[in-house]
Amino acid sequence: MKKILFNVFALLIIVMCVSVTNSYAQETAEKPLTEKEQRKLAKKKAKEERKKAKELAKKQAKAEEQARYQMAFEAMKGQNFVLQANQVYDRYGNIAQVTNTINFIKMEGETCVVQLGFEGIIGFNGVGGITLDGKISELKVTENEHGGLQLSFNVQGSMMQASIRINLNGADNWADATVRAQTTNTEVRFRGNVIPSNLSNVYQGATPY
């Protein structure tokens, strides 16, 4: 009899413990967050969202950069592109910010146009500078292991001959070009974006013949 009573008592204790535990767990789960806890949780979620947005923007920017690079690479390989310059340098490193619609190097097949211009000045070509338009010779195309591309060639115009070297880096469509006039031994560097000819927006000035 005592043994039976003991077992019943033990069972009651277990049932009561389980009931209390379940009641506590339910109470804890249903307990609303305090205002401070809500702010903390909202701040954490906002931080996570900002991190995700930043990572996504970075991936999109990288993809767009790669697309521009690939477009420029193919255009240069196909000899049908324009380097629209935003900056020009002289041989001493002096830099000038310029308008990219009148400062460019344009290659289309076997011909090339090199133009230097400054707004507000008439110049020889009507846009404040000079324009060389001629045939290409001695073209050399070099690719490097980092994805860069270099074109080097000569251009023979009616009044001037120049040697040109254009370097496209391994990312995006930025390129540097060196133009050296062989008749006067002067040198100008262009820096800008390489784009296919059909997407360019340049104005070609007068070419002396």
Protein backbone atom coordinates (compact mmCIF):
# COMPACT_ATOMS: atom_id res chain seq x y z
CA MET A 1 0.00 0.00 0.00
CA LYS A 2 2.79 2.40 0.91
CA LYS A 3 4.51 1.57 -2.34
CA ILE A 4 1.39 2.37 -4.31
CA LEU A 5 0.92 5.66 -2.47
CA PHE A 6 4.57 6.55 -3.10
CA ASN A 7 4.22 5.89 -6.82
CA VAL A 8 1.05 7.93 -7.03
CA PHE A 9 2.74 10.79 -5.16
CA ALA A 10 5.76 10.65 -7.44
CA LEU A 11 3.51 10.70 -10.49
CA LEU A 12 1.64 13.72 -9.18
CA ILE A 13 4.92 15.57 -8.63
CA ILE A 14 6.06 14.80 -12.20
CA VAL A 15 2.74 15.97 -13.65
CA MET A 16 2.90 19.18 -11.64
CA CYS A 17 6.49 19.86 -12.75
CA VAL A 18 5.62 19.30 -16.40
CA SER A 19 2.58 21.53 -16.07
CA VAL A 20 4.56 24.30 -14.41
CA THR A 21 7.32 24.01 -17.02
CA ASN A 22 4.85 24.19 -19.91
CA SER A 23 3.07 27.11 -18.33
CA TYR A 24 6.37 28.98 -17.85
CA ALA A 25 7.50 28.25 -21.40
CA GLN A 26 4.18 29.44 -22.80
CA GLU A 27 4.31 32.56 -20.66
CA THR A 28 7.88 33.27 -21.78
CA ALA A 29 7.06 32.72 -25.46
CA GLU A 30 4.01 34.96 -25.34
CA LYS A 31 5.67 37.71 -23.34
CA PRO A 32 5.78 40.87 -25.51
CA LEU A 33 9.08 42.58 -26.20
CA THR A 34 9.86 45.74 -24.34
CA GLU A 35 10.26 48.97 -26.28
CA LYS A 36 14.01 48.79 -25.83
CA GLU A 37 14.12 45.22 -27.13
CA GLN A 38 11.98 46.20 -30.12
CA ARG A 39 14.33 49.05 -31.00
CA LYS A 40 17.32 46.75 -30.67
CA LEU A 41 15.71 44.12 -32.91
CA ALA A 42 14.69 46.73 -35.50
CA LYS A 43 18.21 48.15 -35.51
CA LYS A 44 19.67 44.68 -36.04
CA LYS A 45 17.32 43.96 -38.95
CA ALA A 46 18.06 47.34 -40.55
CA LYS A 47 21.78 46.68 -40.29
CA GLU A 48 21.38 43.28 -41.93
CA GLU A 49 19.28 44.81 -44.74
CA ARG A 50 21.88 47.53 -45.35
CA LYS A 51 24.61 44.90 -45.52
CA LYS A 52 22.64 42.84 -48.03
CA ALA A 53 21.87 45.93 -50.15
CA LYS A 54 25.53 46.97 -50.12
CA GLU A 55 26.68 43.51 -51.20
CA LEU A 56 24.08 43.44 -53.99
CA ALA A 57 25.08 46.91 -55.23
CA LYS A 58 28.73 45.86 -55.22
CA LYS A 59 27.96 42.76 -57.29
CA GLN A 60 25.88 44.80 -59.76
CA ALA A 61 28.61 47.43 -60.11
CA LYS A 62 31.19 44.71 -60.73
CA ALA A 63 28.98 43.09 -63.37
CA GLU A 64 28.41 46.43 -65.13
CA GLU A 65 32.14 47.19 -65.02
CA GLN A 66 32.92 43.81 -66.57
CA ALA A 67 30.29 44.36 -69.28
CA ARG A 68 31.80 47.74 -70.20
CA TYR A 69 35.26 46.22 -70.30
CA GLN A 70 34.14 43.34 -72.53
CA MET A 71 32.37 45.75 -74.88
CA ALA A 72 35.49 47.94 -75.14
CA PHE A 73 37.77 44.91 -75.60
CA GLU A 74 35.69 43.55 -78.48
CA ALA A 75 35.42 46.97 -80.11
CA MET A 76 39.18 47.48 -80.03
CA LYS A 77 39.85 43.98 -81.33
CA GLY A 78 37.39 44.64 -84.14
CA GLN A 79 39.05 48.00 -84.95
CA ASN A 80 35.76 49.84 -84.62
CA PHE A 81 35.84 52.08 -81.55
CA VAL A 82 36.24 55.57 -80.15
CA LEU A 83 38.31 56.61 -77.16
CA GLN A 84 36.48 59.69 -75.87
CA ALA A 85 38.95 61.59 -73.72
CA ASN A 86 38.07 63.43 -70.53
CA GLN A 87 41.68 64.39 -69.81
CA VAL A 88 44.73 65.25 -71.89
CA TYR A 89 48.36 65.50 -70.75
CA ASP A 90 51.39 67.07 -72.34
CA ARG A 91 54.84 65.49 -72.27
CA TYR A 92 55.62 67.25 -68.98
CA GLY A 93 52.63 65.78 -67.16
CA ASN A 94 50.48 68.92 -67.19
CA ILE A 95 46.83 67.90 -67.22
CA ALA A 96 43.73 69.53 -68.70
CA GLN A 97 40.10 68.52 -68.27
CA VAL A 98 38.52 68.49 -71.72
CA THR A 99 35.22 67.86 -73.49
CA ASN A 100 35.05 64.26 -74.64
CA THR A 101 32.93 65.00 -77.71
CA ILE A 102 35.75 66.94 -79.39
CA ASN A 103 38.77 65.10 -77.91
CA PHE A 104 39.00 61.57 -79.17
CA ILE A 105 40.74 58.81 -81.10
CA LYS A 106 38.45 57.02 -83.52
CA MET A 107 39.39 53.87 -85.39
CA GLU A 108 37.19 52.43 -88.10
CA GLY A 109 38.78 49.62 -90.05
CA GLU A 110 41.94 50.89 -91.73
CA THR A 111 41.37 54.57 -90.93
CA CYS A 112 41.88 56.61 -87.78
CA VAL A 113 40.95 60.10 -86.64
CA VAL A 114 42.83 61.80 -83.80
CA GLN A 115 41.42 65.10 -82.60
CA LEU A 116 42.45 67.59 -79.93
CA GLY A 117 40.10 70.47 -79.17
CA PHE A 118 39.43 73.18 -76.60
CA GLU A 119 36.11 74.99 -76.26
CA GLY A 120 36.11 78.72 -76.86
CA ILE A 121 39.02 78.58 -79.32
CA ILE A 122 38.79 78.27 -83.12
CA GLY A 123 42.11 76.55 -83.84
CA PHE A 124 43.07 74.83 -87.08
CA ASN A 125 40.09 72.49 -87.03
CA GLY A 126 37.37 74.89 -85.88
CA VAL A 127 37.13 73.33 -82.39
CA GLY A 128 40.23 74.77 -80.79
CA GLY A 129 42.89 72.33 -81.86
CA ILE A 130 43.99 69.96 -84.62
CA THR A 131 42.47 66.96 -86.39
CA LEU A 132 44.50 64.17 -87.95
CA ASP A 133 42.62 61.91 -90.33
CA GLY A 134 44.52 59.19 -92.15
CA LYS A 135 45.33 55.60 -92.95
CA ILE A 136 46.60 53.10 -90.41
CA SER A 137 49.85 51.21 -90.88
CA GLU A 138 52.02 48.83 -88.83
CA LEU A 139 49.18 47.84 -86.52
CA LYS A 140 50.22 45.63 -83.62
CA VAL A 141 47.73 44.08 -81.17
CA THR A 142 49.01 42.78 -77.83
CA GLU A 143 47.05 41.08 -75.03
CA ASN A 144 48.45 40.50 -71.56
CA GLU A 145 47.69 37.88 -68.91
CA HIS A 146 45.67 40.35 -66.82
CA GLY A 147 43.12 40.97 -69.56
CA GLY A 148 44.67 44.19 -70.81
CA LEU A 149 44.86 45.05 -74.50
CA GLN A 150 47.27 47.33 -76.35
CA LEU A 151 47.03 48.66 -79.89
CA SER A 152 50.04 50.39 -81.43
CA PHE A 153 50.06 51.78 -84.97
CA ASN A 154 50.95 54.72 -87.20
CA VAL A 155 48.57 57.17 -88.85
CA GLN A 156 49.55 59.01 -92.01
CA GLY A 157 47.57 62.20 -92.63
CA SER A 158 47.88 64.83 -95.33
CA MET A 159 50.09 67.11 -93.24
CA MET A 160 51.24 65.00 -90.32
CA GLN A 161 52.20 61.47 -89.34
CA ALA A 162 51.80 60.17 -85.79
CA SER A 163 52.51 57.02 -83.84
CA ILE A 164 49.76 55.97 -81.45
CA ARG A 165 49.61 53.54 -78.56
CA ILE A 166 46.34 52.74 -76.76
CA ASN A 167 46.19 50.70 -73.56
CA LEU A 168 42.95 49.22 -72.22
CA ASN A 169 43.30 48.00 -68.64
CA GLY A 170 41.89 44.71 -67.41
CA ALA A 171 38.82 46.24 -65.77
CA ASP A 172 36.12 48.64 -66.98
CA ASN A 173 36.52 50.56 -70.25
CA TRP A 174 39.07 53.18 -69.19
CA ALA A 175 42.05 53.53 -71.49
CA ASP A 176 45.17 55.65 -71.89
CA ALA A 177 46.59 56.65 -75.25
CA THR A 178 49.83 58.27 -76.31
CA VAL A 179 49.97 60.22 -79.56
CA ARG A 180 53.40 61.24 -80.78
CA ALA A 181 53.71 63.48 -83.84
CA GLN A 182 56.70 62.20 -85.79
CA THR A 183 57.10 65.41 -87.79
CA THR A 184 57.33 67.76 -84.78
CA ASN A 185 58.33 65.25 -82.06
CA THR A 186 55.51 66.44 -79.79
CA GLU A 187 53.51 64.11 -77.56
CA VAL A 188 50.01 64.22 -76.10
CA ARG A 189 48.32 61.67 -73.84
CA PHE A 190 44.59 61.02 -73.81
CA ARG A 191 42.61 59.35 -71.01
CA GLY A 192 38.98 58.36 -71.33
CA ASN A 193 36.45 55.66 -72.10
CA VAL A 194 36.53 53.25 -75.03
CA ILE A 195 33.14 52.57 -76.60
CA PRO A 196 31.98 51.08 -79.93
CA SER A 197 31.80 53.60 -82.76
CA ASN A 198 28.03 53.25 -83.16
CA LEU A 199 27.53 54.26 -79.51
CA SER A 200 29.88 57.25 -79.58
CA ASN A 201 28.91 60.90 -79.69
CA VAL A 202 31.77 62.93 -81.12
CA TYR A 203 32.06 65.96 -83.39
CA GLN A 204 34.86 65.93 -85.94
CA GLY A 205 36.32 69.27 -86.90
CA ALA A 206 37.85 70.32 -90.18
CA THR A 207 40.82 68.38 -91.54
CA PRO A 208 43.37 70.27 -93.65
CA TYR A 209 44.08 68.67 -97.04
